[in-house]
């Protein structure tokens, strides 16, 4: 895994400790290989979506800020993993509950929200 992706996931799991379970499960499924970053981030996104579907406040402001702050780094690998994996996984995981999906999209920062909306259209 790219070092910046590993750091991001460590930080994200400090905020959303439940996500670590998805991280470990994905690695277990891919052994002895390592999952691609976008696959791992996508799995975590789906996992987080399940929590959001039950409670729209499941994920804190800090987690959404961490996602948005990725845009301020010049790291295309991390940006791709976060947007294509995590954000799209979160949004995809909420397709059955569009009213919650819209509330979650509003919690994203400006740039990640724009990506989520563009991806949906």
PDB file of N, CA and C in Angstrom:
ATOM      1  N   UNK A   1       0.849  -1.170   0.000  1.00  0.00           N
ATOM      2  CA  UNK A   1       0.000   0.000   0.000  1.00  0.00           C
ATOM      3  C   UNK A   1       0.895   1.235   0.000  1.00  0.00           C
ATOM      4  N   UNK A   2       0.484   2.196  -0.753  1.00  0.00           N
ATOM      5  CA  UNK A   2       1.193   3.469  -0.815  1.00  0.00           C
ATOM      6  C   UNK A   2       1.230   4.078   0.594  1.00  0.00           C
ATOM      7  N   UNK A   3       2.362   4.645   0.978  1.00  0.00           N
ATOM      8  CA  UNK A   3       2.563   5.148   2.344  1.00  0.00           C
ATOM      9  C   UNK A   3       1.520   6.192   2.744  1.00  0.00           C
ATOM     10  N   UNK A   4       1.168   7.084   1.823  1.00  0.00           N
ATOM     11  CA  UNK A   4       0.188   8.124   2.170  1.00  0.00           C
ATOM     12  C   UNK A   4      -1.197   7.518   2.387  1.00  0.00           C
ATOM     13  N   UNK A   5      -1.513   6.453   1.666  1.00  0.00           N
ATOM     14  CA  UNK A   5      -2.800   5.772   1.867  1.00  0.00           C
ATOM     15  C   UNK A   5      -2.832   5.095   3.233  1.00  0.00           C
ATOM     16  N   UNK A   6      -1.715   4.491   3.601  1.00  0.00           N
ATOM     17  CA  UNK A   6      -1.617   3.845   4.909  1.00  0.00           C
ATOM     18  C   UNK A   6      -1.792   4.861   6.030  1.00  0.00           C
ATOM     19  N   UNK A   7      -1.149   6.009   5.890  1.00  0.00           N
ATOM     20  CA  UNK A   7      -1.283   7.064   6.904  1.00  0.00           C
ATOM     21  C   UNK A   7      -2.722   7.571   6.971  1.00  0.00           C
ATOM     22  N   UNK A   8      -3.323   7.805   5.811  1.00  0.00           N
ATOM     23  CA  UNK A   8      -4.707   8.283   5.792  1.00  0.00           C
ATOM     24  C   UNK A   8      -5.619   7.286   6.501  1.00  0.00           C
ATOM     25  N   UNK A   9      -5.492   6.002   6.168  1.00  0.00           N
ATOM     26  CA  UNK A   9      -6.351   5.001   6.798  1.00  0.00           C
ATOM     27  C   UNK A   9      -6.127   4.917   8.303  1.00  0.00           C
ATOM     28  N   UNK A  10      -4.878   5.042   8.712  1.00  0.00           N
ATOM     29  CA  UNK A  10      -4.603   5.061  10.147  1.00  0.00           C
ATOM     30  C   UNK A  10      -5.306   6.219  10.821  1.00  0.00           C
ATOM     31  N   UNK A  11      -5.221   7.402  10.201  1.00  0.00           N
ATOM     32  CA  UNK A  11      -5.896   8.587  10.748  1.00  0.00           C
ATOM     33  C   UNK A  11      -7.416   8.418  10.718  1.00  0.00           C
ATOM     34  N   UNK A  12      -7.924   7.885   9.613  1.00  0.00           N
ATOM     35  CA  UNK A  12      -9.370   7.694   9.470  1.00  0.00           C
ATOM     36  C   UNK A  12      -9.885   6.712  10.522  1.00  0.00           C
ATOM     37  N   UNK A  13      -9.141   5.649  10.753  1.00  0.00           N
ATOM     38  CA  UNK A  13      -9.564   4.646  11.733  1.00  0.00           C
ATOM     39  C   UNK A  13      -9.435   5.135  13.173  1.00  0.00           C
ATOM     40  N   UNK A  14      -8.615   6.137  13.395  1.00  0.00           N
ATOM     41  CA  UNK A  14      -8.578   6.764  14.721  1.00  0.00           C
ATOM     42  C   UNK A  14      -9.874   7.517  14.979  1.00  0.00           C
ATOM     43  N   UNK A  15     -10.443   8.083  13.922  1.00  0.00           N
ATOM     44  CA  UNK A  15     -11.693   8.838  14.026  1.00  0.00           C
ATOM     45  C   UNK A  15     -12.888   7.889  14.007  1.00  0.00           C
ATOM     46  N   UNK A  16     -12.848   6.926  13.108  1.00  0.00           N
ATOM     47  CA  UNK A  16     -13.936   5.957  12.935  1.00  0.00           C
ATOM     48  C   UNK A  16     -13.359   4.565  13.189  1.00  0.00           C
ATOM     49  N   UNK A  17     -13.257   4.218  14.440  1.00  0.00           N
ATOM     50  CA  UNK A  17     -12.568   2.989  14.818  1.00  0.00           C
ATOM     51  C   UNK A  17     -13.222   1.734  14.258  1.00  0.00           C
ATOM     52  N   UNK A  18     -14.518   1.782  13.989  1.00  0.00           N
ATOM     53  CA  UNK A  18     -15.200   0.632  13.407  1.00  0.00           C
ATOM     54  C   UNK A  18     -14.651   0.288  12.020  1.00  0.00           C
ATOM     55  N   UNK A  19     -14.114   1.268  11.319  1.00  0.00           N
ATOM     56  CA  UNK A  19     -13.609   1.046   9.955  1.00  0.00           C
ATOM     57  C   UNK A  19     -12.426   0.081   9.952  1.00  0.00           C
ATOM     58  N   UNK A  20     -11.720  -0.002  11.042  1.00  0.00           N
ATOM     59  CA  UNK A  20     -10.565  -0.910  11.124  1.00  0.00           C
ATOM     60  C   UNK A  20     -10.996  -2.370  10.878  1.00  0.00           C
ATOM     61  N   UNK A  21     -12.191  -2.723  11.300  1.00  0.00           N
ATOM     62  CA  UNK A  21     -12.702  -4.079  11.077  1.00  0.00           C
ATOM     63  C   UNK A  21     -12.792  -4.379   9.575  1.00  0.00           C
ATOM     64  N   UNK A  22     -13.279  -3.419   8.813  1.00  0.00           N
ATOM     65  CA  UNK A  22     -13.371  -3.598   7.363  1.00  0.00           C
ATOM     66  C   UNK A  22     -11.987  -3.694   6.737  1.00  0.00           C
ATOM     67  N   UNK A  23     -11.068  -2.896   7.222  1.00  0.00           N
ATOM     68  CA  UNK A  23      -9.680  -2.905   6.733  1.00  0.00           C
ATOM     69  C   UNK A  23      -9.078  -4.302   6.935  1.00  0.00           C
ATOM     70  N   UNK A  24      -9.234  -4.832   8.129  1.00  0.00           N
ATOM     71  CA  UNK A  24      -8.675  -6.152   8.444  1.00  0.00           C
ATOM     72  C   UNK A  24      -9.352  -7.257   7.628  1.00  0.00           C
ATOM     73  N   UNK A  25     -10.654  -7.155   7.447  1.00  0.00           N
ATOM     74  CA  UNK A  25     -11.393  -8.152   6.687  1.00  0.00           C
ATOM     75  C   UNK A  25     -10.945  -8.157   5.219  1.00  0.00           C
ATOM     76  N   UNK A  26     -10.769  -6.979   4.646  1.00  0.00           N
ATOM     77  CA  UNK A  26     -10.337  -6.892   3.253  1.00  0.00           C
ATOM     78  C   UNK A  26      -8.956  -7.519   3.081  1.00  0.00           C
ATOM     79  N   UNK A  27      -8.049  -7.217   3.986  1.00  0.00           N
ATOM     80  CA  UNK A  27      -6.703  -7.817   3.908  1.00  0.00           C
ATOM     81  C   UNK A  27      -6.772  -9.335   4.039  1.00  0.00           C
ATOM     82  N   UNK A  28      -7.626  -9.824   4.923  1.00  0.00           N
ATOM     83  CA  UNK A  28      -7.753 -11.268   5.105  1.00  0.00           C
ATOM     84  C   UNK A  28      -8.275 -11.937   3.834  1.00  0.00           C
ATOM     85  N   UNK A  29      -9.195 -11.286   3.150  1.00  0.00           N
ATOM     86  CA  UNK A  29      -9.763 -11.843   1.929  1.00  0.00           C
ATOM     87  C   UNK A  29      -8.746 -11.875   0.784  1.00  0.00           C
ATOM     88  N   UNK A  30      -7.810 -10.952   0.774  1.00  0.00           N
ATOM     89  CA  UNK A  30      -6.848 -10.847  -0.319  1.00  0.00           C
ATOM     90  C   UNK A  30      -5.564 -11.634  -0.083  1.00  0.00           C
ATOM     91  N   UNK A  31      -5.352 -12.131   1.128  1.00  0.00           N
ATOM     92  CA  UNK A  31      -4.104 -12.833   1.422  1.00  0.00           C
ATOM     93  C   UNK A  31      -3.858 -13.971   0.454  1.00  0.00           C
ATOM     94  N   UNK A  32      -2.688 -14.197   0.008  1.00  0.00           N
ATOM     95  CA  UNK A  32      -1.424 -13.599   0.430  1.00  0.00           C
ATOM     96  C   UNK A  32      -1.097 -12.290  -0.302  1.00  0.00           C
ATOM     97  N   UNK A  33      -1.958 -11.887  -1.229  1.00  0.00           N
ATOM     98  CA  UNK A  33      -1.753 -10.622  -1.932  1.00  0.00           C
ATOM     99  C   UNK A  33      -2.199  -9.463  -1.055  1.00  0.00           C
ATOM    100  N   UNK A  34      -1.882  -8.276  -1.517  1.00  0.00           N
ATOM    101  CA  UNK A  34      -2.347  -7.059  -0.857  1.00  0.00           C
ATOM    102  C   UNK A  34      -3.432  -6.448  -1.736  1.00  0.00           C
ATOM    103  N   UNK A  35      -4.542  -6.011  -1.148  1.00  0.00           N
ATOM    104  CA  UNK A  35      -5.603  -5.444  -1.991  1.00  0.00           C
ATOM    105  C   UNK A  35      -5.156  -4.127  -2.628  1.00  0.00           C
ATOM    106  N   UNK A  36      -5.642  -3.840  -3.840  1.00  0.00           N
ATOM    107  CA  UNK A  36      -5.371  -2.521  -4.413  1.00  0.00           C
ATOM    108  C   UNK A  36      -5.958  -1.441  -3.498  1.00  0.00           C
ATOM    109  N   UNK A  37      -5.318  -0.297  -3.473  1.00  0.00           N
ATOM    110  CA  UNK A  37      -5.761   0.784  -2.580  1.00  0.00           C
ATOM    111  C   UNK A  37      -7.231   1.132  -2.791  1.00  0.00           C
ATOM    112  N   UNK A  38      -7.652   1.273  -4.049  1.00  0.00           N
ATOM    113  CA  UNK A  38      -9.043   1.667  -4.294  1.00  0.00           C
ATOM    114  C   UNK A  38     -10.027   0.594  -3.842  1.00  0.00           C
ATOM    115  N   UNK A  39      -9.650  -0.668  -3.939  1.00  0.00           N
ATOM    116  CA  UNK A  39     -10.519  -1.750  -3.467  1.00  0.00           C
ATOM    117  C   UNK A  39     -10.655  -1.678  -1.948  1.00  0.00           C
ATOM    118  N   UNK A  40      -9.544  -1.523  -1.271  1.00  0.00           N
ATOM    119  CA  UNK A  40      -9.562  -1.425   0.184  1.00  0.00           C
ATOM    120  C   UNK A  40     -10.379  -0.221   0.641  1.00  0.00           C
ATOM    121  N   UNK A  41     -10.118   0.934   0.042  1.00  0.00           N
ATOM    122  CA  UNK A  41     -10.852   2.146   0.412  1.00  0.00           C
ATOM    123  C   UNK A  41     -12.337   1.991   0.088  1.00  0.00           C
ATOM    124  N   UNK A  42     -12.650   1.317  -1.029  1.00  0.00           N
ATOM    125  CA  UNK A  42     -14.050   1.082  -1.383  1.00  0.00           C
ATOM    126  C   UNK A  42     -14.750   0.202  -0.371  1.00  0.00           C
ATOM    127  N   UNK A  43     -14.078  -0.854   0.059  1.00  0.00           N
ATOM    128  CA  UNK A  43     -14.655  -1.722   1.091  1.00  0.00           C
ATOM    129  C   UNK A  43     -14.944  -0.936   2.366  1.00  0.00           C
ATOM    130  N   UNK A  44     -14.009  -0.094   2.745  1.00  0.00           N
ATOM    131  CA  UNK A  44     -14.213   0.723   3.947  1.00  0.00           C
ATOM    132  C   UNK A  44     -15.364   1.695   3.725  1.00  0.00           C
ATOM    133  N   UNK A  45     -15.463   2.248   2.517  1.00  0.00           N
ATOM    134  CA  UNK A  45     -16.575   3.150   2.198  1.00  0.00           C
ATOM    135  C   UNK A  45     -17.925   2.465   2.348  1.00  0.00           C
ATOM    136  N   UNK A  46     -18.030   1.238   1.840  1.00  0.00           N
ATOM    137  CA  UNK A  46     -19.280   0.479   1.994  1.00  0.00           C
ATOM    138  C   UNK A  46     -19.573   0.189   3.457  1.00  0.00           C
ATOM    139  N   UNK A  47     -18.539  -0.129   4.199  1.00  0.00           N
ATOM    140  CA  UNK A  47     -18.696  -0.417   5.624  1.00  0.00           C
ATOM    141  C   UNK A  47     -19.219   0.818   6.365  1.00  0.00           C
ATOM    142  N   UNK A  48     -18.614   1.956   6.064  1.00  0.00           N
ATOM    143  CA  UNK A  48     -19.038   3.214   6.688  1.00  0.00           C
ATOM    144  C   UNK A  48     -20.472   3.548   6.281  1.00  0.00           C
ATOM    145  N   UNK A  49     -20.812   3.278   5.019  1.00  0.00           N
ATOM    146  CA  UNK A  49     -22.173   3.547   4.542  1.00  0.00           C
ATOM    147  C   UNK A  49     -23.209   2.780   5.358  1.00  0.00           C
ATOM    148  N   UNK A  50     -22.883   1.551   5.743  1.00  0.00           N
ATOM    149  CA  UNK A  50     -23.814   0.764   6.557  1.00  0.00           C
ATOM    150  C   UNK A  50     -24.078   1.453   7.889  1.00  0.00           C
ATOM    151  N   UNK A  51     -23.035   2.023   8.483  1.00  0.00           N
ATOM    152  CA  UNK A  51     -23.219   2.780   9.724  1.00  0.00           C
ATOM    153  C   UNK A  51     -24.018   4.049   9.491  1.00  0.00           C
ATOM    154  N   UNK A  52     -23.758   4.734   8.383  1.00  0.00           N
ATOM    155  CA  UNK A  52     -24.479   5.966   8.060  1.00  0.00           C
ATOM    156  C   UNK A  52     -25.951   5.692   7.762  1.00  0.00           C
ATOM    157  N   UNK A  53     -26.248   4.542   7.179  1.00  0.00           N
ATOM    158  CA  UNK A  53     -27.632   4.198   6.867  1.00  0.00           C
ATOM    159  C   UNK A  53     -28.463   4.060   8.139  1.00  0.00           C
ATOM    160  N   UNK A  54     -27.810   3.655   9.221  1.00  0.00           N
ATOM    161  CA  UNK A  54     -28.499   3.513  10.506  1.00  0.00           C
ATOM    162  C   UNK A  54     -28.536   4.820  11.286  1.00  0.00           C
ATOM    163  N   UNK A  55     -27.478   5.636  11.100  1.00  0.00           N
ATOM    164  CA  UNK A  55     -27.353   6.889  11.841  1.00  0.00           C
ATOM    165  C   UNK A  55     -26.549   7.863  10.991  1.00  0.00           C
ATOM    166  N   UNK A  56     -27.211   8.874  10.456  1.00  0.00           N
ATOM    167  CA  UNK A  56     -26.555   9.815   9.559  1.00  0.00           C
ATOM    168  C   UNK A  56     -25.394  10.550  10.246  1.00  0.00           C
ATOM    169  N   UNK A  57     -25.377  10.545  11.550  1.00  0.00           N
ATOM    170  CA  UNK A  57     -24.280  11.173  12.304  1.00  0.00           C
ATOM    171  C   UNK A  57     -23.216  10.167  12.730  1.00  0.00           C
ATOM    172  N   UNK A  58     -23.246   8.974  12.159  1.00  0.00           N
ATOM    173  CA  UNK A  58     -22.283   7.918  12.475  1.00  0.00           C
ATOM    174  C   UNK A  58     -20.846   8.380  12.278  1.00  0.00           C
ATOM    175  N   UNK A  59     -20.620   9.184  11.248  1.00  0.00           N
ATOM    176  CA  UNK A  59     -19.279   9.664  10.928  1.00  0.00           C
ATOM    177  C   UNK A  59     -19.160  11.123  11.349  1.00  0.00           C
ATOM    178  N   UNK A  60     -18.118  11.435  12.077  1.00  0.00           N
ATOM    179  CA  UNK A  60     -17.953  12.778  12.630  1.00  0.00           C
ATOM    180  C   UNK A  60     -17.491  13.793  11.588  1.00  0.00           C
ATOM    181  N   UNK A  61     -17.613  15.049  11.941  1.00  0.00           N
ATOM    182  CA  UNK A  61     -17.120  16.147  11.111  1.00  0.00           C
ATOM    183  C   UNK A  61     -15.644  15.950  10.793  1.00  0.00           C
ATOM    184  N   UNK A  62     -14.878  15.480  11.758  1.00  0.00           N
ATOM    185  CA  UNK A  62     -13.436  15.296  11.567  1.00  0.00           C
ATOM    186  C   UNK A  62     -13.143  14.316  10.434  1.00  0.00           C
ATOM    187  N   UNK A  63     -13.959  13.281  10.307  1.00  0.00           N
ATOM    188  CA  UNK A  63     -13.758  12.305   9.232  1.00  0.00           C
ATOM    189  C   UNK A  63     -14.019  12.942   7.872  1.00  0.00           C
ATOM    190  N   UNK A  64     -15.085  13.722   7.766  1.00  0.00           N
ATOM    191  CA  UNK A  64     -15.373  14.408   6.506  1.00  0.00           C
ATOM    192  C   UNK A  64     -14.292  15.448   6.191  1.00  0.00           C
ATOM    193  N   UNK A  65     -13.772  16.088   7.206  1.00  0.00           N
ATOM    194  CA  UNK A  65     -12.688  17.061   7.001  1.00  0.00           C
ATOM    195  C   UNK A  65     -11.415  16.352   6.527  1.00  0.00           C
ATOM    196  N   UNK A  66     -11.126  15.207   7.111  1.00  0.00           N
ATOM    197  CA  UNK A  66      -9.957  14.428   6.690  1.00  0.00           C
ATOM    198  C   UNK A  66     -10.070  14.075   5.203  1.00  0.00           C
ATOM    199  N   UNK A  67     -11.258  13.698   4.770  1.00  0.00           N
ATOM    200  CA  UNK A  67     -11.488  13.395   3.355  1.00  0.00           C
ATOM    201  C   UNK A  67     -11.247  14.640   2.509  1.00  0.00           C
ATOM    202  N   UNK A  68     -11.810  15.737   2.904  1.00  0.00           N
ATOM    203  CA  UNK A  68     -11.677  16.984   2.132  1.00  0.00           C
ATOM    204  C   UNK A  68     -10.232  17.470   2.087  1.00  0.00           C
ATOM    205  N   UNK A  69      -9.513  17.292   3.160  1.00  0.00           N
ATOM    206  CA  UNK A  69      -8.120  17.775   3.229  1.00  0.00           C
ATOM    207  C   UNK A  69      -7.193  17.064   2.243  1.00  0.00           C
ATOM    208  N   UNK A  70      -7.610  15.915   1.740  1.00  0.00           N
ATOM    209  CA  UNK A  70      -6.796  15.188   0.760  1.00  0.00           C
ATOM    210  C   UNK A  70      -6.588  16.045  -0.495  1.00  0.00           C
ATOM    211  N   UNK A  71      -7.542  16.892  -0.819  1.00  0.00           N
ATOM    212  CA  UNK A  71      -7.420  17.760  -1.994  1.00  0.00           C
ATOM    213  C   UNK A  71      -6.257  18.743  -1.868  1.00  0.00           C
ATOM    214  N   UNK A  72      -5.852  19.049  -0.645  1.00  0.00           N
ATOM    215  CA  UNK A  72      -4.772  20.010  -0.414  1.00  0.00           C
ATOM    216  C   UNK A  72      -3.389  19.388  -0.533  1.00  0.00           C
ATOM    217  N   UNK A  73      -3.339  18.092  -0.728  1.00  0.00           N
ATOM    218  CA  UNK A  73      -2.056  17.397  -0.879  1.00  0.00           C
ATOM    219  C   UNK A  73      -1.810  17.143  -2.358  1.00  0.00           C
ATOM    220  N   UNK A  74      -0.583  17.083  -2.736  1.00  0.00           N
ATOM    221  CA  UNK A  74      -0.269  16.804  -4.144  1.00  0.00           C
ATOM    222  C   UNK A  74       0.050  15.315  -4.295  1.00  0.00           C
ATOM    223  N   UNK A  75      -0.924  14.492  -3.956  1.00  0.00           N
ATOM    224  CA  UNK A  75      -0.740  13.046  -3.963  1.00  0.00           C
ATOM    225  C   UNK A  75      -1.899  12.413  -4.734  1.00  0.00           C
ATOM    226  N   UNK A  76      -1.664  12.166  -6.010  1.00  0.00           N
ATOM    227  CA  UNK A  76      -2.712  11.617  -6.870  1.00  0.00           C
ATOM    228  C   UNK A  76      -3.124  10.207  -6.454  1.00  0.00           C
ATOM    229  N   UNK A  77      -2.191   9.424  -5.949  1.00  0.00           N
ATOM    230  CA  UNK A  77      -2.517   8.058  -5.513  1.00  0.00           C
ATOM    231  C   UNK A  77      -3.518   8.116  -4.360  1.00  0.00           C
ATOM    232  N   UNK A  78      -3.245   8.961  -3.387  1.00  0.00           N
ATOM    233  CA  UNK A  78      -4.145   9.096  -2.251  1.00  0.00           C
ATOM    234  C   UNK A  78      -5.479   9.686  -2.677  1.00  0.00           C
ATOM    235  N   UNK A  79      -5.456  10.719  -3.496  1.00  0.00           N
ATOM    236  CA  UNK A  79      -6.698  11.349  -3.951  1.00  0.00           C
ATOM    237  C   UNK A  79      -7.567  10.335  -4.699  1.00  0.00           C
ATOM    238  N   UNK A  80      -6.956   9.538  -5.552  1.00  0.00           N
ATOM    239  CA  UNK A  80      -7.704   8.518  -6.289  1.00  0.00           C
ATOM    240  C   UNK A  80      -8.304   7.491  -5.342  1.00  0.00           C
ATOM    241  N   UNK A  81      -7.522   7.031  -4.385  1.00  0.00           N
ATOM    242  CA  UNK A  81      -8.025   6.033  -3.434  1.00  0.00           C
ATOM    243  C   UNK A  81      -9.188   6.592  -2.615  1.00  0.00           C
ATOM    244  N   UNK A  82      -9.051   7.827  -2.160  1.00  0.00           N
ATOM    245  CA  UNK A  82     -10.100   8.428  -1.332  1.00  0.00           C
ATOM    246  C   UNK A  82     -11.363   8.684  -2.147  1.00  0.00           C
ATOM    247  N   UNK A  83     -11.216   9.279  -3.329  1.00  0.00           N
ATOM    248  CA  UNK A  83     -12.407   9.603  -4.114  1.00  0.00           C
ATOM    249  C   UNK A  83     -13.027   8.373  -4.763  1.00  0.00           C
ATOM    250  N   UNK A  84     -12.210   7.606  -5.490  1.00  0.00           N
ATOM    251  CA  UNK A  84     -12.724   6.457  -6.221  1.00  0.00           C
ATOM    252  C   UNK A  84     -13.073   5.307  -5.292  1.00  0.00           C
ATOM    253  N   UNK A  85     -12.376   5.197  -4.190  1.00  0.00           N
ATOM    254  CA  UNK A  85     -12.654   4.131  -3.239  1.00  0.00           C
ATOM    255  C   UNK A  85     -13.612   4.558  -2.144  1.00  0.00           C
ATOM    256  N   UNK A  86     -13.137   5.382  -1.240  1.00  0.00           N
ATOM    257  CA  UNK A  86     -13.896   5.716  -0.032  1.00  0.00           C
ATOM    258  C   UNK A  86     -15.184   6.485  -0.325  1.00  0.00           C
ATOM    259  N   UNK A  87     -15.072   7.619  -1.022  1.00  0.00           N
ATOM    260  CA  UNK A  87     -16.262   8.456  -1.264  1.00  0.00           C
ATOM    261  C   UNK A  87     -17.286   7.704  -2.114  1.00  0.00           C
ATOM    262  N   UNK A  88     -16.827   7.119  -3.214  1.00  0.00           N
ATOM    263  CA  UNK A  88     -17.769   6.410  -4.078  1.00  0.00           C
ATOM    264  C   UNK A  88     -18.340   5.173  -3.381  1.00  0.00           C
ATOM    265  N   UNK A  89     -17.549   4.528  -2.547  1.00  0.00           N
ATOM    266  CA  UNK A  89     -18.060   3.401  -1.767  1.00  0.00           C
ATOM    267  C   UNK A  89     -19.135   3.831  -0.785  1.00  0.00           C
ATOM    268  N   UNK A  90     -18.906   4.958  -0.141  1.00  0.00           N
ATOM    269  CA  UNK A  90     -19.904   5.476   0.800  1.00  0.00           C
ATOM    270  C   UNK A  90     -21.208   5.799   0.075  1.00  0.00           C
ATOM    271  N   UNK A  91     -21.099   6.472  -1.062  1.00  0.00           N
ATOM    272  CA  UNK A  91     -22.291   6.875  -1.803  1.00  0.00           C
ATOM    273  C   UNK A  91     -23.002   5.646  -2.389  1.00  0.00           C
ATOM    274  N   UNK A  92     -22.231   4.722  -2.934  1.00  0.00           N
ATOM    275  CA  UNK A  92     -22.821   3.496  -3.497  1.00  0.00           C
ATOM    276  C   UNK A  92     -23.534   2.680  -2.431  1.00  0.00           C
ATOM    277  N   UNK A  93     -22.962   2.660  -1.250  1.00  0.00           N
ATOM    278  CA  UNK A  93     -23.551   1.901  -0.157  1.00  0.00           C
ATOM    279  C   UNK A  93     -24.848   2.491   0.365  1.00  0.00           C
ATOM    280  N   UNK A  94     -25.164   3.688  -0.097  1.00  0.00           N
ATOM    281  CA  UNK A  94     -26.393   4.357   0.360  1.00  0.00           C
ATOM    282  C   UNK A  94     -27.438   4.485  -0.747  1.00  0.00           C
ATOM    283  N   UNK A  95     -27.307   3.726  -1.825  1.00  0.00           N
ATOM    284  CA  UNK A  95     -28.256   3.849  -2.937  1.00  0.00           C
ATOM    285  C   UNK A  95     -29.672   3.452  -2.548  1.00  0.00           C
ATOM    286  N   UNK A  96     -29.804   2.570  -1.580  1.00  0.00           N
ATOM    287  CA  UNK A  96     -31.133   2.121  -1.153  1.00  0.00           C
ATOM    288  C   UNK A  96     -31.830   3.137  -0.244  1.00  0.00           C
ATOM    289  N   UNK A  97     -31.086   4.102   0.241  1.00  0.00           N
ATOM    290  CA  UNK A  97     -31.656   5.118   1.141  1.00  0.00           C
ATOM    291  C   UNK A  97     -31.268   6.513   0.623  1.00  0.00           C
ATOM    292  N   UNK A  98     -31.894   6.945  -0.489  1.00  0.00           N
ATOM    293  CA  UNK A  98     -31.491   8.209  -1.121  1.00  0.00           C
ATOM    294  C   UNK A  98     -31.627   9.433  -0.216  1.00  0.00           C
ATOM    295  N   UNK A  99     -32.572   9.420   0.703  1.00  0.00           N
ATOM    296  CA  UNK A  99     -32.722  10.583   1.586  1.00  0.00           C
ATOM    297  C   UNK A  99     -31.519  10.694   2.531  1.00  0.00           C
ATOM    298  N   UNK A 100     -31.006   9.582   2.994  1.00  0.00           N
ATOM    299  CA  UNK A 100     -29.804   9.598   3.842  1.00  0.00           C
ATOM    300  C   UNK A 100     -28.584   9.910   2.992  1.00  0.00           C
ATOM    301  N   UNK A 101     -28.531   9.342   1.783  1.00  0.00           N
ATOM    302  CA  UNK A 101     -27.411   9.626   0.883  1.00  0.00           C
ATOM    303  C   UNK A 101     -27.268  11.133   0.660  1.00  0.00           C
ATOM    304  N   UNK A 102     -28.384  11.821   0.463  1.00  0.00           N
ATOM    305  CA  UNK A 102     -28.329  13.273   0.256  1.00  0.00           C
ATOM    306  C   UNK A 102     -27.821  14.000   1.496  1.00  0.00           C
ATOM    307  N   UNK A 103     -28.240  13.556   2.658  1.00  0.00           N
ATOM    308  CA  UNK A 103     -27.758  14.165   3.903  1.00  0.00           C
ATOM    309  C   UNK A 103     -26.253  13.943   4.063  1.00  0.00           C
ATOM    310  N   UNK A 104     -25.793  12.759   3.698  1.00  0.00           N
ATOM    311  CA  UNK A 104     -24.367  12.450   3.796  1.00  0.00           C
ATOM    312  C   UNK A 104     -23.576  13.291   2.796  1.00  0.00           C
ATOM    313  N   UNK A 105     -24.070  13.408   1.587  1.00  0.00           N
ATOM    314  CA  UNK A 105     -23.378  14.217   0.570  1.00  0.00           C
ATOM    315  C   UNK A 105     -23.205  15.648   1.061  1.00  0.00           C
ATOM    316  N   UNK A 106     -24.199  16.163   1.737  1.00  0.00           N
ATOM    317  CA  UNK A 106     -24.108  17.533   2.265  1.00  0.00           C
ATOM    318  C   UNK A 106     -23.040  17.672   3.347  1.00  0.00           C
ATOM    319  N   UNK A 107     -22.673  16.580   3.984  1.00  0.00           N
ATOM    320  CA  UNK A 107     -21.645  16.625   5.028  1.00  0.00           C
ATOM    321  C   UNK A 107     -20.232  16.687   4.455  1.00  0.00           C
ATOM    322  N   UNK A 108     -20.062  16.263   3.194  1.00  0.00           N
ATOM    323  CA  UNK A 108     -18.744  16.343   2.562  1.00  0.00           C
ATOM    324  C   UNK A 108     -18.340  17.803   2.403  1.00  0.00           C
ATOM    325  N   UNK A 109     -17.046  18.024   2.302  1.00  0.00           N
ATOM    326  CA  UNK A 109     -16.554  19.354   1.982  1.00  0.00           C
ATOM    327  C   UNK A 109     -16.895  19.696   0.536  1.00  0.00           C
ATOM    328  N   UNK A 110     -16.638  20.905   0.134  1.00  0.00           N
ATOM    329  CA  UNK A 110     -17.029  21.400  -1.185  1.00  0.00           C
ATOM    330  C   UNK A 110     -16.510  20.522  -2.320  1.00  0.00           C
ATOM    331  N   UNK A 111     -15.233  20.191  -2.299  1.00  0.00           N
ATOM    332  CA  UNK A 111     -14.645  19.442  -3.420  1.00  0.00           C
ATOM    333  C   UNK A 111     -15.049  17.976  -3.421  1.00  0.00           C
ATOM    334  N   UNK A 112     -15.081  17.354  -2.253  1.00  0.00           N
ATOM    335  CA  UNK A 112     -15.505  15.952  -2.218  1.00  0.00           C
ATOM    336  C   UNK A 112     -17.003  15.840  -2.498  1.00  0.00           C
ATOM    337  N   UNK A 113     -17.782  16.835  -2.099  1.00  0.00           N
ATOM    338  CA  UNK A 113     -19.212  16.851  -2.419  1.00  0.00           C
ATOM    339  C   UNK A 113     -19.401  16.965  -3.932  1.00  0.00           C
ATOM    340  N   UNK A 114     -18.603  17.827  -4.565  1.00  0.00           N
ATOM    341  CA  UNK A 114     -18.700  17.971  -6.024  1.00  0.00           C
ATOM    342  C   UNK A 114     -18.367  16.650  -6.713  1.00  0.00           C
ATOM    343  N   UNK A 115     -17.364  15.944  -6.200  1.00  0.00           N
ATOM    344  CA  UNK A 115     -17.028  14.638  -6.785  1.00  0.00           C
ATOM    345  C   UNK A 115     -18.184  13.660  -6.607  1.00  0.00           C
ATOM    346  N   UNK A 116     -18.768  13.616  -5.421  1.00  0.00           N
ATOM    347  CA  UNK A 116     -19.867  12.690  -5.159  1.00  0.00           C
ATOM    348  C   UNK A 116     -21.044  12.983  -6.089  1.00  0.00           C
ATOM    349  N   UNK A 117     -21.367  14.250  -6.257  1.00  0.00           N
ATOM    350  CA  UNK A 117     -22.483  14.619  -7.127  1.00  0.00           C
ATOM    351  C   UNK A 117     -22.176  14.294  -8.592  1.00  0.00           C
ATOM    352  N   UNK A 118     -20.973  14.580  -9.031  1.00  0.00           N
ATOM    353  CA  UNK A 118     -20.593  14.278 -10.411  1.00  0.00           C
ATOM    354  C   UNK A 118     -20.623  12.773 -10.654  1.00  0.00           C
ATOM    355  N   UNK A 119     -20.185  12.010  -9.674  1.00  0.00           N
ATOM    356  CA  UNK A 119     -20.159  10.567  -9.822  1.00  0.00           C
ATOM    357  C   UNK A 119     -21.571  10.006  -9.921  1.00  0.00           C
ATOM    358  N   UNK A 120     -22.521  10.603  -9.202  1.00  0.00           N
ATOM    359  CA  UNK A 120     -23.901  10.137  -9.240  1.00  0.00           C
ATOM    360  C   UNK A 120     -24.590  10.431 -10.566  1.00  0.00           C
ATOM    361  N   UNK A 121     -24.142  11.485 -11.232  1.00  0.00           N
ATOM    362  CA  UNK A 121     -24.861  11.882 -12.471  1.00  0.00           C
ATOM    363  C   UNK A 121     -24.381  11.187 -13.708  1.00  0.00           C
TER     364      UNK A 121
END
